[in-house]
Amino acid sequence: MAGRTPYGNPVPVSDLATAILDPVLRKRAGISIGLVQSWEEIAGPRLAGHSRPEKIQWPRRMHEDDPFEPAVLVIACEGMAALHLQHETGEIINRVNAFLGFNAIGRIRIVQKPVLRDKARPKPTPRALTSVEKAKLSDTVGKIEDEGLRASLERLGATILGQRKLPR
């Protein structure tokens, strides 16, 4: 459901989610949602698939008169991506600072942990259908005249039946 402004213009749900999540991320992790969303452009597609920014750790200032010190960007990454990330640390710091508009980041800390994306998650393989299930499925879709539609529906049915447990 899209929210509505007082003038009746619809607002995309992503804008509403960003408005809600951005202050929470800033408070909890010191990071903006814009940095997370733009991570692929900042780090490049090769590194972005295996890494993500976790948080920005700002140094504690004891007094208001203390000079500004740049923060540490904590990046979670997987295995070999850590080595590539370490070699490109200077470039990533420059890109993040350019994205933020000032020299906010002074160094990067790499934390190795699994970084799974939806496309990287393995799909479960359905079980093989029994002969009774195959016969019932082919009987159900056999009356459909269009061959392409019949084949698609048969694959869909096989997937659905293959995800169910065998009756005992």
C-alpha atoms as a PDB file:
ATOM      1  CA  MET A   1       0.000   0.000   0.000  1.00  0.00           C
ATOM      2  CA  ALA A   2       1.404   3.328  -0.972  1.00  0.00           C
ATOM      3  CA  GLY A   3       1.010   6.202   1.427  1.00  0.00           C
ATOM      4  CA  ARG A   4      -0.630   9.414   0.425  1.00  0.00           C
ATOM      5  CA  THR A   5       0.434  12.979   0.922  1.00  0.00           C
ATOM      6  CA  PRO A   6      -2.144  15.560   2.003  1.00  0.00           C
ATOM      7  CA  TYR A   7      -2.524  16.544  -1.663  1.00  0.00           C
ATOM      8  CA  GLY A   8      -3.622  13.063  -2.739  1.00  0.00           C
ATOM      9  CA  ASN A   9      -0.504  12.146  -4.696  1.00  0.00           C
ATOM     10  CA  PRO A  10       0.608   8.544  -4.135  1.00  0.00           C
ATOM     11  CA  VAL A  11       3.993   7.964  -2.547  1.00  0.00           C
ATOM     12  CA  PRO A  12       6.044   4.856  -3.413  1.00  0.00           C
ATOM     13  CA  VAL A  13       6.384   2.349  -0.591  1.00  0.00           C
ATOM     14  CA  SER A  14      10.166   2.435  -0.990  1.00  0.00           C
ATOM     15  CA  ASP A  15      10.154   6.143  -0.091  1.00  0.00           C
ATOM     16  CA  LEU A  16       8.117   5.418   3.030  1.00  0.00           C
ATOM     17  CA  ALA A  17      10.418   2.551   4.022  1.00  0.00           C
ATOM     18  CA  THR A  18      13.481   4.736   3.478  1.00  0.00           C
ATOM     19  CA  ALA A  19      11.973   7.490   5.598  1.00  0.00           C
ATOM     20  CA  ILE A  20      11.380   4.975   8.398  1.00  0.00           C
ATOM     21  CA  LEU A  21      14.633   2.990   8.145  1.00  0.00           C
ATOM     22  CA  ASP A  22      17.114   5.806   7.565  1.00  0.00           C
ATOM     23  CA  PRO A  23      16.863   7.345  11.076  1.00  0.00           C
ATOM     24  CA  VAL A  24      17.035   3.885  12.675  1.00  0.00           C
ATOM     25  CA  LEU A  25      20.146   2.953  10.695  1.00  0.00           C
ATOM     26  CA  ARG A  26      21.769   6.285  11.487  1.00  0.00           C
ATOM     27  CA  LYS A  27      21.175   5.824  15.207  1.00  0.00           C
ATOM     28  CA  ARG A  28      22.027   2.117  15.469  1.00  0.00           C
ATOM     29  CA  ALA A  29      24.822   1.719  12.921  1.00  0.00           C
ATOM     30  CA  GLY A  30      25.785   5.290  12.078  1.00  0.00           C
ATOM     31  CA  ILE A  31      25.129   4.524   8.426  1.00  0.00           C
ATOM     32  CA  SER A  32      22.618   5.834   5.920  1.00  0.00           C
ATOM     33  CA  ILE A  33      20.374   3.659   3.802  1.00  0.00           C
ATOM     34  CA  GLY A  34      21.658   5.529   0.748  1.00  0.00           C
ATOM     35  CA  LEU A  35      25.140   4.099   1.333  1.00  0.00           C
ATOM     36  CA  VAL A  36      23.746   0.575   1.611  1.00  0.00           C
ATOM     37  CA  GLN A  37      21.630   0.990  -1.524  1.00  0.00           C
ATOM     38  CA  SER A  38      24.527   2.467  -3.510  1.00  0.00           C
ATOM     39  CA  TRP A  39      27.078  -0.084  -2.340  1.00  0.00           C
ATOM     40  CA  GLU A  40      27.280  -1.758  -5.768  1.00  0.00           C
ATOM     41  CA  GLU A  41      28.236   1.527  -7.444  1.00  0.00           C
ATOM     42  CA  ILE A  42      30.746   2.324  -4.694  1.00  0.00           C
ATOM     43  CA  ALA A  43      32.472  -1.054  -4.379  1.00  0.00           C
ATOM     44  CA  GLY A  44      31.864  -2.333  -7.891  1.00  0.00           C
ATOM     45  CA  PRO A  45      29.804  -5.363  -8.890  1.00  0.00           C
ATOM     46  CA  ARG A  46      32.605  -7.863  -8.207  1.00  0.00           C
ATOM     47  CA  LEU A  47      32.989  -6.849  -4.548  1.00  0.00           C
ATOM     48  CA  ALA A  48      29.383  -5.839  -3.894  1.00  0.00           C
ATOM     49  CA  GLY A  49      28.178  -9.399  -4.447  1.00  0.00           C
ATOM     50  CA  HIS A  50      30.348 -10.661  -1.591  1.00  0.00           C
ATOM     51  CA  SER A  51      30.390  -7.689   0.802  1.00  0.00           C
ATOM     52  CA  ARG A  52      28.169  -5.112   2.438  1.00  0.00           C
ATOM     53  CA  PRO A  53      28.708  -2.099   4.715  1.00  0.00           C
ATOM     54  CA  GLU A  54      27.818  -2.972   8.311  1.00  0.00           C
ATOM     55  CA  LYS A  55      28.261   0.277  10.221  1.00  0.00           C
ATOM     56  CA  ILE A  56      30.284   3.420  10.625  1.00  0.00           C
ATOM     57  CA  GLN A  57      32.119   3.733  13.945  1.00  0.00           C
ATOM     58  CA  TRP A  58      32.673   7.352  14.867  1.00  0.00           C
ATOM     59  CA  PRO A  59      35.391   8.143  17.417  1.00  0.00           C
ATOM     60  CA  ARG A  60      34.124   9.464  20.715  1.00  0.00           C
ATOM     61  CA  ARG A  61      34.735  13.156  21.312  1.00  0.00           C
ATOM     62  CA  MET A  62      35.303  14.093  24.923  1.00  0.00           C
ATOM     63  CA  HIS A  63      34.843  17.828  24.369  1.00  0.00           C
ATOM     64  CA  GLU A  64      33.265  19.965  21.703  1.00  0.00           C
ATOM     65  CA  ASP A  65      36.654  21.558  21.035  1.00  0.00           C
ATOM     66  CA  ASP A  66      38.260  18.241  20.061  1.00  0.00           C
ATOM     67  CA  PRO A  67      39.328  18.152  16.398  1.00  0.00           C
ATOM     68  CA  PHE A  68      37.370  16.118  13.888  1.00  0.00           C
ATOM     69  CA  GLU A  69      38.611  12.583  13.400  1.00  0.00           C
ATOM     70  CA  PRO A  70      37.422  10.410  10.528  1.00  0.00           C
ATOM     71  CA  ALA A  71      35.382   7.294  11.243  1.00  0.00           C
ATOM     72  CA  VAL A  72      35.961   3.606  10.588  1.00  0.00           C
ATOM     73  CA  LEU A  73      33.735   1.866   8.032  1.00  0.00           C
ATOM     74  CA  VAL A  74      33.041  -1.734   9.052  1.00  0.00           C
ATOM     75  CA  ILE A  75      32.476  -3.966   6.026  1.00  0.00           C
ATOM     76  CA  ALA A  76      31.240  -7.554   6.225  1.00  0.00           C
ATOM     77  CA  CYS A  77      32.560  -9.810   3.488  1.00  0.00           C
ATOM     78  CA  GLU A  78      33.019 -13.434   2.555  1.00  0.00           C
ATOM     79  CA  GLY A  79      36.257 -15.406   2.201  1.00  0.00           C
ATOM     80  CA  MET A  80      38.378 -14.336  -0.736  1.00  0.00           C
ATOM     81  CA  ALA A  81      36.492 -11.071  -1.114  1.00  0.00           C
ATOM     82  CA  ALA A  82      38.331  -9.894   2.008  1.00  0.00           C
ATOM     83  CA  LEU A  83      41.638 -10.063   0.160  1.00  0.00           C
ATOM     84  CA  HIS A  84      40.266  -8.130  -2.825  1.00  0.00           C
ATOM     85  CA  LEU A  85      38.656  -5.634  -0.492  1.00  0.00           C
ATOM     86  CA  GLN A  86      41.907  -5.123   1.383  1.00  0.00           C
ATOM     87  CA  HIS A  87      43.748  -4.353  -1.853  1.00  0.00           C
ATOM     88  CA  GLU A  88      41.122  -1.808  -2.872  1.00  0.00           C
ATOM     89  CA  THR A  89      40.756  -0.162   0.544  1.00  0.00           C
ATOM     90  CA  GLY A  90      42.120   3.224  -0.528  1.00  0.00           C
ATOM     91  CA  GLU A  91      39.864   3.403  -3.566  1.00  0.00           C
ATOM     92  CA  ILE A  92      36.779   2.398  -1.566  1.00  0.00           C
ATOM     93  CA  ILE A  93      37.543   4.998   1.118  1.00  0.00           C
ATOM     94  CA  ASN A  94      37.786   7.666  -1.591  1.00  0.00           C
ATOM     95  CA  ARG A  95      34.519   6.534  -3.207  1.00  0.00           C
ATOM     96  CA  VAL A  96      32.622   6.437   0.111  1.00  0.00           C
ATOM     97  CA  ASN A  97      33.920   9.882   1.047  1.00  0.00           C
ATOM     98  CA  ALA A  98      32.901  11.199  -2.381  1.00  0.00           C
ATOM     99  CA  PHE A  99      29.456   9.648  -1.900  1.00  0.00           C
ATOM    100  CA  LEU A 100      29.071  11.197   1.574  1.00  0.00           C
ATOM    101  CA  GLY A 101      30.434  14.557   0.428  1.00  0.00           C
ATOM    102  CA  PHE A 102      33.229  14.960   2.971  1.00  0.00           C
ATOM    103  CA  ASN A 103      36.179  13.005   4.405  1.00  0.00           C
ATOM    104  CA  ALA A 104      34.101  10.995   6.846  1.00  0.00           C
ATOM    105  CA  ILE A 105      35.946   7.670   6.532  1.00  0.00           C
ATOM    106  CA  GLY A 106      39.603   7.329   7.459  1.00  0.00           C
ATOM    107  CA  ARG A 107      39.999   3.566   7.406  1.00  0.00           C
ATOM    108  CA  ILE A 108      38.134   0.333   6.813  1.00  0.00           C
ATOM    109  CA  ARG A 109      37.740  -2.634   9.140  1.00  0.00           C
ATOM    110  CA  ILE A 110      36.928  -5.938   7.461  1.00  0.00           C
ATOM    111  CA  VAL A 111      34.770  -8.496   9.255  1.00  0.00           C
ATOM    112  CA  GLN A 112      34.493 -11.917   7.648  1.00  0.00           C
ATOM    113  CA  LYS A 113      31.006 -13.383   7.796  1.00  0.00           C
ATOM    114  CA  PRO A 114      28.524 -14.904   5.362  1.00  0.00           C
ATOM    115  CA  VAL A 115      26.912 -12.346   3.101  1.00  0.00           C
ATOM    116  CA  LEU A 116      24.072 -14.091   1.294  1.00  0.00           C
ATOM    117  CA  ARG A 117      21.870 -12.412  -1.217  1.00  0.00           C
ATOM    118  CA  ASP A 118      18.569 -13.823  -2.446  1.00  0.00           C
ATOM    119  CA  LYS A 119      20.050 -14.721  -5.818  1.00  0.00           C
ATOM    120  CA  ALA A 120      22.957 -16.515  -4.143  1.00  0.00           C
ATOM    121  CA  ARG A 121      20.813 -18.770  -1.972  1.00  0.00           C
ATOM    122  CA  PRO A 122      20.598 -22.272  -3.387  1.00  0.00           C
ATOM    123  CA  LYS A 123      17.170 -23.309  -4.591  1.00  0.00           C
ATOM    124  CA  PRO A 124      15.737 -26.437  -2.983  1.00  0.00           C
ATOM    125  CA  THR A 125      15.504 -29.318  -5.415  1.00  0.00           C
ATOM    126  CA  PRO A 126      12.095 -30.994  -5.522  1.00  0.00           C
ATOM    127  CA  ARG A 127      11.914 -34.753  -5.078  1.00  0.00           C
ATOM    128  CA  ALA A 128      11.152 -37.088  -7.943  1.00  0.00           C
ATOM    129  CA  LEU A 129       7.453 -37.739  -8.493  1.00  0.00           C
ATOM    130  CA  THR A 130       5.939 -41.163  -8.049  1.00  0.00           C
ATOM    131  CA  SER A 131       4.278 -42.869 -11.017  1.00  0.00           C
ATOM    132  CA  VAL A 132       0.835 -42.206  -9.496  1.00  0.00           C
ATOM    133  CA  GLU A 133       1.612 -38.490  -9.135  1.00  0.00           C
ATOM    134  CA  LYS A 134       2.954 -38.313 -12.712  1.00  0.00           C
ATOM    135  CA  ALA A 135      -0.165 -40.016 -14.084  1.00  0.00           C
ATOM    136  CA  LYS A 136      -2.497 -37.719 -12.137  1.00  0.00           C
ATOM    137  CA  LEU A 137      -0.564 -34.625 -13.258  1.00  0.00           C
ATOM    138  CA  SER A 138      -0.506 -35.596 -16.934  1.00  0.00           C
ATOM    139  CA  ASP A 139      -4.227 -36.440 -16.754  1.00  0.00           C
ATOM    140  CA  THR A 140      -4.953 -33.025 -15.212  1.00  0.00           C
ATOM    141  CA  VAL A 141      -3.063 -30.982 -17.826  1.00  0.00           C
ATOM    142  CA  GLY A 142      -3.653 -33.358 -20.756  1.00  0.00           C
ATOM    143  CA  LYS A 143      -6.823 -31.570 -21.883  1.00  0.00           C
ATOM    144  CA  ILE A 144      -5.003 -28.283 -22.534  1.00  0.00           C
ATOM    145  CA  GLU A 145      -4.593 -27.716 -26.294  1.00  0.00           C
ATOM    146  CA  ASP A 146      -1.650 -25.285 -26.293  1.00  0.00           C
ATOM    147  CA  GLU A 147       1.540 -27.350 -26.004  1.00  0.00           C
ATOM    148  CA  GLY A 148       3.633 -24.557 -24.465  1.00  0.00           C
ATOM    149  CA  LEU A 149       1.027 -23.829 -21.806  1.00  0.00           C
ATOM    150  CA  ARG A 150       0.568 -27.547 -21.095  1.00  0.00           C
ATOM    151  CA  ALA A 151       4.337 -28.047 -20.664  1.00  0.00           C
ATOM    152  CA  SER A 152       4.605 -25.004 -18.382  1.00  0.00           C
ATOM    153  CA  LEU A 153       1.718 -26.142 -16.223  1.00  0.00           C
ATOM    154  CA  GLU A 154       3.154 -29.633 -16.049  1.00  0.00           C
ATOM    155  CA  ARG A 155       6.515 -28.256 -14.854  1.00  0.00           C
ATOM    156  CA  LEU A 156       4.708 -26.069 -12.305  1.00  0.00           C
ATOM    157  CA  GLY A 157       2.678 -29.018 -11.063  1.00  0.00           C
ATOM    158  CA  ALA A 158       5.788 -31.203 -10.812  1.00  0.00           C
ATOM    159  CA  THR A 159       7.542 -28.527  -8.772  1.00  0.00           C
ATOM    160  CA  ILE A 160       4.591 -28.088  -6.412  1.00  0.00           C
ATOM    161  CA  LEU A 161       4.088 -31.828  -5.942  1.00  0.00           C
ATOM    162  CA  GLY A 162       7.848 -32.357  -5.575  1.00  0.00           C
ATOM    163  CA  GLN A 163       7.997 -29.934  -2.667  1.00  0.00           C
ATOM    164  CA  ARG A 164       5.350 -31.849  -0.719  1.00  0.00           C
ATOM    165  CA  LYS A 165       6.324 -34.756   1.475  1.00  0.00           C
ATOM    166  CA  LEU A 166       5.451 -38.242   0.372  1.00  0.00           C
ATOM    167  CA  PRO A 167       2.238 -39.590   1.932  1.00  0.00           C
ATOM    168  CA  ARG A 168       2.859 -42.515   4.254  1.00  0.00           C
END
